[in-house]
Amino acid sequence: MEEKEKALNAFITRTREAAFNQADEADRRFQKGTPLSLLDGIPIAVKDNLCTRGVKTTCGSRILNNYVADL
């Protein structure tokens, strides 16, 4: 993502640190043999019109520029 994002401009909000922390947690679960599912640890992108707790969600609008979901 870091390599191509400047050219693509596909993401409004990036949660790099959270992604790395969640990947570390998933690695620990796999090492213990207790993954949450077969998809545990696989990164995803969430469209900016879906609220994600603690992440800025703007729907591409300046009106919501600083909105952070607390759901």
PDB file of N, CA and C in Angstrom:
ATOM      1  N   MET A   1       0.822  -1.182   0.000  1.00  0.00           N
ATOM      2  CA  MET A   1       0.000   0.000   0.000  1.00  0.00           C
ATOM      3  C   MET A   1       0.877   1.260   0.000  1.00  0.00           C
ATOM      4  N   GLU A   2       1.877   1.277   0.855  1.00  0.00           N
ATOM      5  CA  GLU A   2       2.721   2.469   0.949  1.00  0.00           C
ATOM      6  C   GLU A   2       3.393   2.779  -0.387  1.00  0.00           C
ATOM      7  N   GLU A   3       3.745   1.737  -1.119  1.00  0.00           N
ATOM      8  CA  GLU A   3       4.446   1.911  -2.383  1.00  0.00           C
ATOM      9  C   GLU A   3       3.557   2.520  -3.461  1.00  0.00           C
ATOM     10  N   LYS A   4       2.293   2.116  -3.528  1.00  0.00           N
ATOM     11  CA  LYS A   4       1.407   2.520  -4.616  1.00  0.00           C
ATOM     12  C   LYS A   4       0.455   3.657  -4.254  1.00  0.00           C
ATOM     13  N   GLU A   5       0.282   3.951  -2.983  1.00  0.00           N
ATOM     14  CA  GLU A   5      -0.736   4.911  -2.564  1.00  0.00           C
ATOM     15  C   GLU A   5      -0.541   6.304  -3.134  1.00  0.00           C
ATOM     16  N   LYS A   6       0.683   6.757  -3.245  1.00  0.00           N
ATOM     17  CA  LYS A   6       0.915   8.105  -3.780  1.00  0.00           C
ATOM     18  C   LYS A   6       0.374   8.243  -5.201  1.00  0.00           C
ATOM     19  N   ALA A   7       0.508   7.219  -5.993  1.00  0.00           N
ATOM     20  CA  ALA A   7       0.027   7.257  -7.373  1.00  0.00           C
ATOM     21  C   ALA A   7      -1.480   7.024  -7.454  1.00  0.00           C
ATOM     22  N   LEU A   8      -2.008   6.154  -6.594  1.00  0.00           N
ATOM     23  CA  LEU A   8      -3.420   5.784  -6.673  1.00  0.00           C
ATOM     24  C   LEU A   8      -4.344   6.701  -5.886  1.00  0.00           C
ATOM     25  N   ASN A   9      -3.871   7.204  -4.763  1.00  0.00           N
ATOM     26  CA  ASN A   9      -4.687   8.030  -3.871  1.00  0.00           C
ATOM     27  C   ASN A   9      -6.023   7.340  -3.576  1.00  0.00           C
ATOM     28  N   ALA A  10      -5.951   6.085  -3.158  1.00  0.00           N
ATOM     29  CA  ALA A  10      -7.140   5.261  -2.965  1.00  0.00           C
ATOM     30  C   ALA A  10      -7.688   5.292  -1.545  1.00  0.00           C
ATOM     31  N   PHE A  11      -6.904   5.752  -0.578  1.00  0.00           N
ATOM     32  CA  PHE A  11      -7.324   5.692   0.821  1.00  0.00           C
ATOM     33  C   PHE A  11      -7.415   7.077   1.432  1.00  0.00           C
ATOM     34  N   ILE A  12      -8.479   7.306   2.194  1.00  0.00           N
ATOM     35  CA  ILE A  12      -8.633   8.566   2.919  1.00  0.00           C
ATOM     36  C   ILE A  12      -7.945   8.464   4.275  1.00  0.00           C
ATOM     37  N   THR A  13      -8.183   7.368   4.981  1.00  0.00           N
ATOM     38  CA  THR A  13      -7.614   7.146   6.312  1.00  0.00           C
ATOM     39  C   THR A  13      -6.848   5.840   6.308  1.00  0.00           C
ATOM     40  N   ARG A  14      -5.632   5.886   6.833  1.00  0.00           N
ATOM     41  CA  ARG A  14      -4.824   4.672   6.940  1.00  0.00           C
ATOM     42  C   ARG A  14      -4.594   4.375   8.416  1.00  0.00           C
ATOM     43  N   THR A  15      -4.664   3.112   8.779  1.00  0.00           N
ATOM     44  CA  THR A  15      -4.491   2.700  10.178  1.00  0.00           C
ATOM     45  C   THR A  15      -3.322   1.715  10.265  1.00  0.00           C
ATOM     46  N   ARG A  16      -2.178   2.162   9.829  1.00  0.00           N
ATOM     47  CA  ARG A  16      -0.986   1.309   9.735  1.00  0.00           C
ATOM     48  C   ARG A  16      -0.625   0.656  11.068  1.00  0.00           C
ATOM     49  N   GLU A  17      -0.541   1.449  12.135  1.00  0.00           N
ATOM     50  CA  GLU A  17      -0.143   0.903  13.433  1.00  0.00           C
ATOM     51  C   GLU A  17      -1.162  -0.116  13.941  1.00  0.00           C
ATOM     52  N   ALA A  18      -2.446   0.195  13.791  1.00  0.00           N
ATOM     53  CA  ALA A  18      -3.487  -0.746  14.223  1.00  0.00           C
ATOM     54  C   ALA A  18      -3.391  -2.042  13.427  1.00  0.00           C
ATOM     55  N   ALA A  19      -3.114  -1.939  12.141  1.00  0.00           N
ATOM     56  CA  ALA A  19      -2.990  -3.137  11.302  1.00  0.00           C
ATOM     57  C   ALA A  19      -1.820  -4.006  11.760  1.00  0.00           C
ATOM     58  N   PHE A  20      -0.690  -3.371  12.063  1.00  0.00           N
ATOM     59  CA  PHE A  20       0.467  -4.136  12.536  1.00  0.00           C
ATOM     60  C   PHE A  20       0.195  -4.769  13.895  1.00  0.00           C
ATOM     61  N   ASN A  21      -0.457  -4.032  14.785  1.00  0.00           N
ATOM     62  CA  ASN A  21      -0.787  -4.587  16.104  1.00  0.00           C
ATOM     63  C   ASN A  21      -1.738  -5.770  15.976  1.00  0.00           C
ATOM     64  N   GLN A  22      -2.743  -5.641  15.121  1.00  0.00           N
ATOM     65  CA  GLN A  22      -3.693  -6.739  14.928  1.00  0.00           C
ATOM     66  C   GLN A  22      -3.016  -7.944  14.272  1.00  0.00           C
ATOM     67  N   ALA A  23      -2.067  -7.690  13.375  1.00  0.00           N
ATOM     68  CA  ALA A  23      -1.323  -8.801  12.749  1.00  0.00           C
ATOM     69  C   ALA A  23      -0.487  -9.536  13.795  1.00  0.00           C
ATOM     70  N   ASP A  24       0.143  -8.785  14.698  1.00  0.00           N
ATOM     71  CA  ASP A  24       0.913  -9.420  15.772  1.00  0.00           C
ATOM     72  C   ASP A  24       0.022 -10.286  16.656  1.00  0.00           C
ATOM     73  N   GLU A  25      -1.167  -9.769  16.982  1.00  0.00           N
ATOM     74  CA  GLU A  25      -2.110 -10.543  17.795  1.00  0.00           C
ATOM     75  C   GLU A  25      -2.537 -11.818  17.069  1.00  0.00           C
ATOM     76  N   ALA A  26      -2.799 -11.708  15.775  1.00  0.00           N
ATOM     77  CA  ALA A  26      -3.189 -12.876  14.984  1.00  0.00           C
ATOM     78  C   ALA A  26      -2.047 -13.900  14.940  1.00  0.00           C
ATOM     79  N   ASP A  27      -0.812 -13.423  14.786  1.00  0.00           N
ATOM     80  CA  ASP A  27       0.343 -14.330  14.794  1.00  0.00           C
ATOM     81  C   ASP A  27       0.425 -15.105  16.102  1.00  0.00           C
ATOM     82  N   ARG A  28       0.217 -14.414  17.210  1.00  0.00           N
ATOM     83  CA  ARG A  28       0.259 -15.087  18.512  1.00  0.00           C
ATOM     84  C   ARG A  28      -0.836 -16.146  18.620  1.00  0.00           C
ATOM     85  N   ARG A  29      -2.037 -15.820  18.126  1.00  0.00           N
ATOM     86  CA  ARG A  29      -3.127 -16.801  18.167  1.00  0.00           C
ATOM     87  C   ARG A  29      -2.788 -18.025  17.319  1.00  0.00           C
ATOM     88  N   PHE A  30      -2.226 -17.811  16.138  1.00  0.00           N
ATOM     89  CA  PHE A  30      -1.853 -18.945  15.283  1.00  0.00           C
ATOM     90  C   PHE A  30      -0.774 -19.796  15.936  1.00  0.00           C
ATOM     91  N   GLN A  31       0.195 -19.146  16.577  1.00  0.00           N
ATOM     92  CA  GLN A  31       1.257 -19.896  17.252  1.00  0.00           C
ATOM     93  C   GLN A  31       0.708 -20.749  18.386  1.00  0.00           C
ATOM     94  N   LYS A  32      -0.336 -20.249  19.060  1.00  0.00           N
ATOM     95  CA  LYS A  32      -0.985 -21.005  20.142  1.00  0.00           C
ATOM     96  C   LYS A  32      -1.954 -22.049  19.602  1.00  0.00           C
ATOM     97  N   GLY A  33      -2.261 -21.959  18.304  1.00  0.00           N
ATOM     98  CA  GLY A  33      -3.225 -22.876  17.706  1.00  0.00           C
ATOM     99  C   GLY A  33      -4.667 -22.474  17.965  1.00  0.00           C
ATOM    100  N   THR A  34      -4.877 -21.168  18.233  1.00  0.00           N
ATOM    101  CA  THR A  34      -6.231 -20.687  18.533  1.00  0.00           C
ATOM    102  C   THR A  34      -6.638 -19.498  17.652  1.00  0.00           C
ATOM    103  N   PRO A  35      -6.510 -19.618  16.330  1.00  0.00           N
ATOM    104  CA  PRO A  35      -6.930 -18.498  15.484  1.00  0.00           C
ATOM    105  C   PRO A  35      -8.440 -18.287  15.599  1.00  0.00           C
ATOM    106  N   LEU A  36      -8.878 -17.054  15.375  1.00  0.00           N
ATOM    107  CA  LEU A  36     -10.304 -16.749  15.427  1.00  0.00           C
ATOM    108  C   LEU A  36     -11.060 -17.424  14.287  1.00  0.00           C
ATOM    109  N   SER A  37     -10.402 -17.544  13.131  1.00  0.00           N
ATOM    110  CA  SER A  37     -10.980 -18.211  11.960  1.00  0.00           C
ATOM    111  C   SER A  37      -9.858 -18.449  10.966  1.00  0.00           C
ATOM    112  N   LEU A  38     -10.185 -19.036   9.827  1.00  0.00           N
ATOM    113  CA  LEU A  38      -9.171 -19.238   8.785  1.00  0.00           C
ATOM    114  C   LEU A  38      -8.700 -17.911   8.196  1.00  0.00           C
ATOM    115  N   LEU A  39      -9.507 -16.868   8.348  1.00  0.00           N
ATOM    116  CA  LEU A  39      -9.169 -15.556   7.799  1.00  0.00           C
ATOM    117  C   LEU A  39      -8.488 -14.648   8.819  1.00  0.00           C
ATOM    118  N   ASP A  40      -8.257 -15.137  10.015  1.00  0.00           N
ATOM    119  CA  ASP A  40      -7.646 -14.339  11.086  1.00  0.00           C
ATOM    120  C   ASP A  40      -6.302 -13.792  10.626  1.00  0.00           C
ATOM    121  N   GLY A  41      -6.151 -12.467  10.690  1.00  0.00           N
ATOM    122  CA  GLY A  41      -4.887 -11.823  10.344  1.00  0.00           C
ATOM    123  C   GLY A  41      -4.793 -11.331   8.919  1.00  0.00           C
ATOM    124  N   ILE A  42      -5.760 -11.637   8.091  1.00  0.00           N
ATOM    125  CA  ILE A  42      -5.714 -11.175   6.703  1.00  0.00           C
ATOM    126  C   ILE A  42      -6.198  -9.720   6.659  1.00  0.00           C
ATOM    127  N   PRO A  43      -5.378  -8.806   6.148  1.00  0.00           N
ATOM    128  CA  PRO A  43      -5.773  -7.392   6.121  1.00  0.00           C
ATOM    129  C   PRO A  43      -6.890  -7.132   5.125  1.00  0.00           C
ATOM    130  N   ILE A  44      -7.713  -6.145   5.446  1.00  0.00           N
ATOM    131  CA  ILE A  44      -8.791  -5.740   4.554  1.00  0.00           C
ATOM    132  C   ILE A  44      -8.818  -4.214   4.466  1.00  0.00           C
ATOM    133  N   ALA A  45      -9.497  -3.710   3.471  1.00  0.00           N
ATOM    134  CA  ALA A  45      -9.775  -2.276   3.353  1.00  0.00           C
ATOM    135  C   ALA A  45     -11.276  -2.093   3.562  1.00  0.00           C
ATOM    136  N   VAL A  46     -11.632  -1.057   4.304  1.00  0.00           N
ATOM    137  CA  VAL A  46     -13.043  -0.766   4.572  1.00  0.00           C
ATOM    138  C   VAL A  46     -13.376   0.566   3.922  1.00  0.00           C
ATOM    139  N   LYS A  47     -14.420   0.568   3.130  1.00  0.00           N
ATOM    140  CA  LYS A  47     -14.830   1.796   2.448  1.00  0.00           C
ATOM    141  C   LYS A  47     -15.154   2.880   3.476  1.00  0.00           C
ATOM    142  N   ASP A  48     -14.836   4.108   3.154  1.00  0.00           N
ATOM    143  CA  ASP A  48     -14.945   5.222   4.090  1.00  0.00           C
ATOM    144  C   ASP A  48     -16.388   5.637   4.406  1.00  0.00           C
ATOM    145  N   ASN A  49     -17.361   4.927   3.900  1.00  0.00           N
ATOM    146  CA  ASN A  49     -18.740   5.249   4.272  1.00  0.00           C
ATOM    147  C   ASN A  49     -19.294   4.239   5.278  1.00  0.00           C
ATOM    148  N   LEU A  50     -18.452   3.355   5.784  1.00  0.00           N
ATOM    149  CA  LEU A  50     -18.833   2.403   6.825  1.00  0.00           C
ATOM    150  C   LEU A  50     -18.123   2.781   8.116  1.00  0.00           C
ATOM    151  N   CYS A  51     -18.878   2.961   9.170  1.00  0.00           N
ATOM    152  CA  CYS A  51     -18.289   3.349  10.451  1.00  0.00           C
ATOM    153  C   CYS A  51     -17.487   2.202  11.044  1.00  0.00           C
ATOM    154  N   THR A  52     -16.300   2.533  11.502  1.00  0.00           N
ATOM    155  CA  THR A  52     -15.425   1.592  12.175  1.00  0.00           C
ATOM    156  C   THR A  52     -14.985   2.263  13.471  1.00  0.00           C
ATOM    157  N   ARG A  53     -15.251   1.617  14.600  1.00  0.00           N
ATOM    158  CA  ARG A  53     -14.986   2.220  15.906  1.00  0.00           C
ATOM    159  C   ARG A  53     -13.571   2.757  16.003  1.00  0.00           C
ATOM    160  N   GLY A  54     -13.462   4.041  16.383  1.00  0.00           N
ATOM    161  CA  GLY A  54     -12.175   4.669  16.615  1.00  0.00           C
ATOM    162  C   GLY A  54     -11.425   5.123  15.380  1.00  0.00           C
ATOM    163  N   VAL A  55     -12.050   5.002  14.210  1.00  0.00           N
ATOM    164  CA  VAL A  55     -11.389   5.370  12.954  1.00  0.00           C
ATOM    165  C   VAL A  55     -12.174   6.499  12.294  1.00  0.00           C
ATOM    166  N   LYS A  56     -11.457   7.488  11.776  1.00  0.00           N
ATOM    167  CA  LYS A  56     -12.099   8.601  11.091  1.00  0.00           C
ATOM    168  C   LYS A  56     -12.928   8.078   9.917  1.00  0.00           C
ATOM    169  N   THR A  57     -14.179   8.522   9.839  1.00  0.00           N
ATOM    170  CA  THR A  57     -15.100   8.108   8.776  1.00  0.00           C
ATOM    171  C   THR A  57     -15.702   9.366   8.171  1.00  0.00           C
ATOM    172  N   THR A  58     -15.317   9.705   6.950  1.00  0.00           N
ATOM    173  CA  THR A  58     -15.745  10.969   6.360  1.00  0.00           C
ATOM    174  C   THR A  58     -16.769  10.831   5.247  1.00  0.00           C
ATOM    175  N   CYS A  59     -16.950   9.649   4.722  1.00  0.00           N
ATOM    176  CA  CYS A  59     -17.806   9.445   3.538  1.00  0.00           C
ATOM    177  C   CYS A  59     -17.344  10.337   2.385  1.00  0.00           C
ATOM    178  N   GLY A  60     -16.087  10.734   2.412  1.00  0.00           N
ATOM    179  CA  GLY A  60     -15.540  11.591   1.363  1.00  0.00           C
ATOM    180  C   GLY A  60     -16.058  13.012   1.426  1.00  0.00           C
ATOM    181  N   SER A  61     -16.634  13.414   2.560  1.00  0.00           N
ATOM    182  CA  SER A  61     -17.259  14.727   2.696  1.00  0.00           C
ATOM    183  C   SER A  61     -16.470  15.615   3.656  1.00  0.00           C
ATOM    184  N   ARG A  62     -16.340  16.869   3.307  1.00  0.00           N
ATOM    185  CA  ARG A  62     -15.671  17.812   4.208  1.00  0.00           C
ATOM    186  C   ARG A  62     -16.517  18.085   5.451  1.00  0.00           C
ATOM    187  N   ILE A  63     -17.819  17.914   5.348  1.00  0.00           N
ATOM    188  CA  ILE A  63     -18.698  18.114   6.499  1.00  0.00           C
ATOM    189  C   ILE A  63     -18.343  17.142   7.624  1.00  0.00           C
ATOM    190  N   LEU A  64     -17.940  15.929   7.266  1.00  0.00           N
ATOM    191  CA  LEU A  64     -17.588  14.907   8.250  1.00  0.00           C
ATOM    192  C   LEU A  64     -16.071  14.777   8.428  1.00  0.00           C
ATOM    193  N   ASN A  65     -15.338  15.791   8.082  1.00  0.00           N
ATOM    194  CA  ASN A  65     -13.876  15.721   8.054  1.00  0.00           C
ATOM    195  C   ASN A  65     -13.249  15.191   9.337  1.00  0.00           C
ATOM    196  N   ASN A  66     -13.806  15.504  10.499  1.00  0.00           N
ATOM    197  CA  ASN A  66     -13.219  15.074  11.766  1.00  0.00           C
ATOM    198  C   ASN A  66     -14.075  14.054  12.507  1.00  0.00           C
ATOM    199  N   TYR A  67     -15.025  13.431  11.843  1.00  0.00           N
ATOM    200  CA  TYR A  67     -15.904  12.471  12.516  1.00  0.00           C
ATOM    201  C   TYR A  67     -15.159  11.163  12.771  1.00  0.00           C
ATOM    202  N   VAL A  68     -15.211  10.711  14.026  1.00  0.00           N
ATOM    203  CA  VAL A  68     -14.636   9.425  14.409  1.00  0.00           C
ATOM    204  C   VAL A  68     -15.745   8.600  15.043  1.00  0.00           C
ATOM    205  N   ALA A  69     -16.007   7.443  14.480  1.00  0.00           N
ATOM    206  CA  ALA A  69     -17.097   6.588  14.959  1.00  0.00           C
ATOM    207  C   ALA A  69     -16.780   6.052  16.355  1.00  0.00           C
ATOM    208  N   ASP A  70     -17.790   6.035  17.226  1.00  0.00           N
ATOM    209  CA  ASP A  70     -17.611   5.471  18.566  1.00  0.00           C
ATOM    210  C   ASP A  70     -18.561   4.309  18.791  1.00  0.00           C
ATOM    211  N   LEU A  71     -19.003   3.692  17.709  1.00  0.00           N
ATOM    212  CA  LEU A  71     -19.956   2.580  17.775  1.00  0.00           C
ATOM    213  C   LEU A  71     -19.361   1.374  18.441  1.00  0.00           C
TER     214      LEU A  71
END
